[in-house]
Amino acid sequence: MEYKIDDIEKVLDENLSDTQKIDVLLEMDAKIYCNLGSDSNKTELELAKKNSRKLYTLIKKIDFDMGDSFLKLMDKKK
């Protein structure tokens, strides 16, 4: 199933293993950054980071250590 960023909460409700849920969320994150380019403006970059934060927060609900490390790395880059 193809998920959009507005539907990310639905991933948690799917009948998937935790590993599969994390894989889906990380795939969504990869697609966000694949769609950015050198011509992306500041607003698009900020939206990508905001959506990544949402995804990492969901990952943290599934695997605390993994999600927490993603969020800490994200904060460290600021």
C-alpha atoms as a PDB file:
ATOM      1  CA  MET A   1       0.000   0.000   0.000  1.00  0.00           C
ATOM      2  CA  GLU A   2       1.215   3.484  -0.824  1.00  0.00           C
ATOM      3  CA  TYR A   3       1.071   5.919   2.093  1.00  0.00           C
ATOM      4  CA  LYS A   4       1.007   9.686   2.013  1.00  0.00           C
ATOM      5  CA  ILE A   5       2.451  11.810   4.801  1.00  0.00           C
ATOM      6  CA  ASP A   6      -1.072  12.642   6.018  1.00  0.00           C
ATOM      7  CA  ASP A   7      -1.763   8.930   6.481  1.00  0.00           C
ATOM      8  CA  ILE A   8       1.294   8.001   8.501  1.00  0.00           C
ATOM      9  CA  GLU A   9      -0.689   7.188  11.643  1.00  0.00           C
ATOM     10  CA  LYS A  10      -2.419   4.439   9.661  1.00  0.00           C
ATOM     11  CA  VAL A  11       0.880   2.555   9.432  1.00  0.00           C
ATOM     12  CA  LEU A  12       0.661   1.797  13.151  1.00  0.00           C
ATOM     13  CA  ASP A  13      -2.778   0.251  12.656  1.00  0.00           C
ATOM     14  CA  GLU A  14      -1.723  -2.008   9.782  1.00  0.00           C
ATOM     15  CA  ASN A  15      -1.340  -5.746  10.338  1.00  0.00           C
ATOM     16  CA  LEU A  16       2.445  -5.619   9.897  1.00  0.00           C
ATOM     17  CA  SER A  17       5.353  -6.607  12.086  1.00  0.00           C
ATOM     18  CA  ASP A  18       7.196  -3.818  13.876  1.00  0.00           C
ATOM     19  CA  THR A  19      10.109  -4.207  11.472  1.00  0.00           C
ATOM     20  CA  GLN A  20       7.797  -3.865   8.480  1.00  0.00           C
ATOM     21  CA  LYS A  21       6.174  -0.757   9.968  1.00  0.00           C
ATOM     22  CA  ILE A  22       9.578   0.843  10.499  1.00  0.00           C
ATOM     23  CA  ASP A  23      10.585  -0.105   6.945  1.00  0.00           C
ATOM     24  CA  VAL A  24       7.468   1.604   5.553  1.00  0.00           C
ATOM     25  CA  LEU A  25       8.146   4.750   7.590  1.00  0.00           C
ATOM     26  CA  LEU A  26      11.803   4.888   6.548  1.00  0.00           C
ATOM     27  CA  GLU A  27      10.821   4.361   2.919  1.00  0.00           C
ATOM     28  CA  MET A  28       8.483   7.333   3.199  1.00  0.00           C
ATOM     29  CA  ASP A  29      11.318   9.378   4.681  1.00  0.00           C
ATOM     30  CA  ALA A  30      13.646   8.419   1.843  1.00  0.00           C
ATOM     31  CA  LYS A  31      11.044   9.451  -0.726  1.00  0.00           C
ATOM     32  CA  ILE A  32      10.698  12.852   0.936  1.00  0.00           C
ATOM     33  CA  TYR A  33      14.389  13.563   0.462  1.00  0.00           C
ATOM     34  CA  CYS A  34      14.546  12.023  -3.018  1.00  0.00           C
ATOM     35  CA  ASN A  35      11.998  14.571  -4.165  1.00  0.00           C
ATOM     36  CA  LEU A  36      14.156  17.484  -2.978  1.00  0.00           C
ATOM     37  CA  GLY A  37      16.698  18.995  -5.279  1.00  0.00           C
ATOM     38  CA  SER A  38      19.224  21.784  -5.464  1.00  0.00           C
ATOM     39  CA  ASP A  39      16.402  24.051  -6.616  1.00  0.00           C
ATOM     40  CA  SER A  40      14.261  23.361  -3.524  1.00  0.00           C
ATOM     41  CA  ASN A  41      13.461  26.482  -1.561  1.00  0.00           C
ATOM     42  CA  LYS A  42      13.735  26.985   2.187  1.00  0.00           C
ATOM     43  CA  THR A  43      10.030  26.282   2.743  1.00  0.00           C
ATOM     44  CA  GLU A  44      10.281  22.911   0.983  1.00  0.00           C
ATOM     45  CA  LEU A  45      13.364  21.973   3.020  1.00  0.00           C
ATOM     46  CA  GLU A  46      11.663  22.917   6.285  1.00  0.00           C
ATOM     47  CA  LEU A  47       8.571  20.897   5.339  1.00  0.00           C
ATOM     48  CA  ALA A  48      10.758  17.871   4.602  1.00  0.00           C
ATOM     49  CA  LYS A  49      12.407  18.158   8.028  1.00  0.00           C
ATOM     50  CA  LYS A  50       9.029  18.607   9.724  1.00  0.00           C
ATOM     51  CA  ASN A  51       7.661  15.485   8.031  1.00  0.00           C
ATOM     52  CA  SER A  52      10.807  13.519   8.908  1.00  0.00           C
ATOM     53  CA  ARG A  53      10.328  14.497  12.534  1.00  0.00           C
ATOM     54  CA  LYS A  54       6.756  13.131  12.384  1.00  0.00           C
ATOM     55  CA  LEU A  55       8.019   9.863  10.926  1.00  0.00           C
ATOM     56  CA  TYR A  56      10.810   9.530  13.495  1.00  0.00           C
ATOM     57  CA  THR A  57       8.339  10.213  16.302  1.00  0.00           C
ATOM     58  CA  LEU A  58       6.198   7.324  15.042  1.00  0.00           C
ATOM     59  CA  ILE A  59       9.256   5.103  14.801  1.00  0.00           C
ATOM     60  CA  LYS A  60       9.984   5.994  18.412  1.00  0.00           C
ATOM     61  CA  LYS A  61       6.552   4.602  19.374  1.00  0.00           C
ATOM     62  CA  ILE A  62       7.535   1.282  17.786  1.00  0.00           C
ATOM     63  CA  ASP A  63      11.235   1.144  18.676  1.00  0.00           C
ATOM     64  CA  PHE A  64      12.143   3.715  21.300  1.00  0.00           C
ATOM     65  CA  ASP A  65      15.917   3.543  20.881  1.00  0.00           C
ATOM     66  CA  MET A  66      15.881   3.802  17.094  1.00  0.00           C
ATOM     67  CA  GLY A  67      13.381   6.661  16.970  1.00  0.00           C
ATOM     68  CA  ASP A  68      15.095   8.496  19.781  1.00  0.00           C
ATOM     69  CA  SER A  69      18.482   8.268  18.057  1.00  0.00           C
ATOM     70  CA  PHE A  70      17.001   9.623  14.788  1.00  0.00           C
ATOM     71  CA  LEU A  71      15.428  12.548  16.635  1.00  0.00           C
ATOM     72  CA  LYS A  72      18.641  13.310  18.557  1.00  0.00           C
ATOM     73  CA  LEU A  73      20.650  13.309  15.334  1.00  0.00           C
ATOM     74  CA  MET A  74      18.114  15.612  13.755  1.00  0.00           C
ATOM     75  CA  ASP A  75      18.368  18.034  16.700  1.00  0.00           C
ATOM     76  CA  LYS A  76      22.155  17.829  16.678  1.00  0.00           C
ATOM     77  CA  LYS A  77      22.297  19.112  13.079  1.00  0.00           C
ATOM     78  CA  LYS A  78      20.447  22.348  13.960  1.00  0.00           C
END
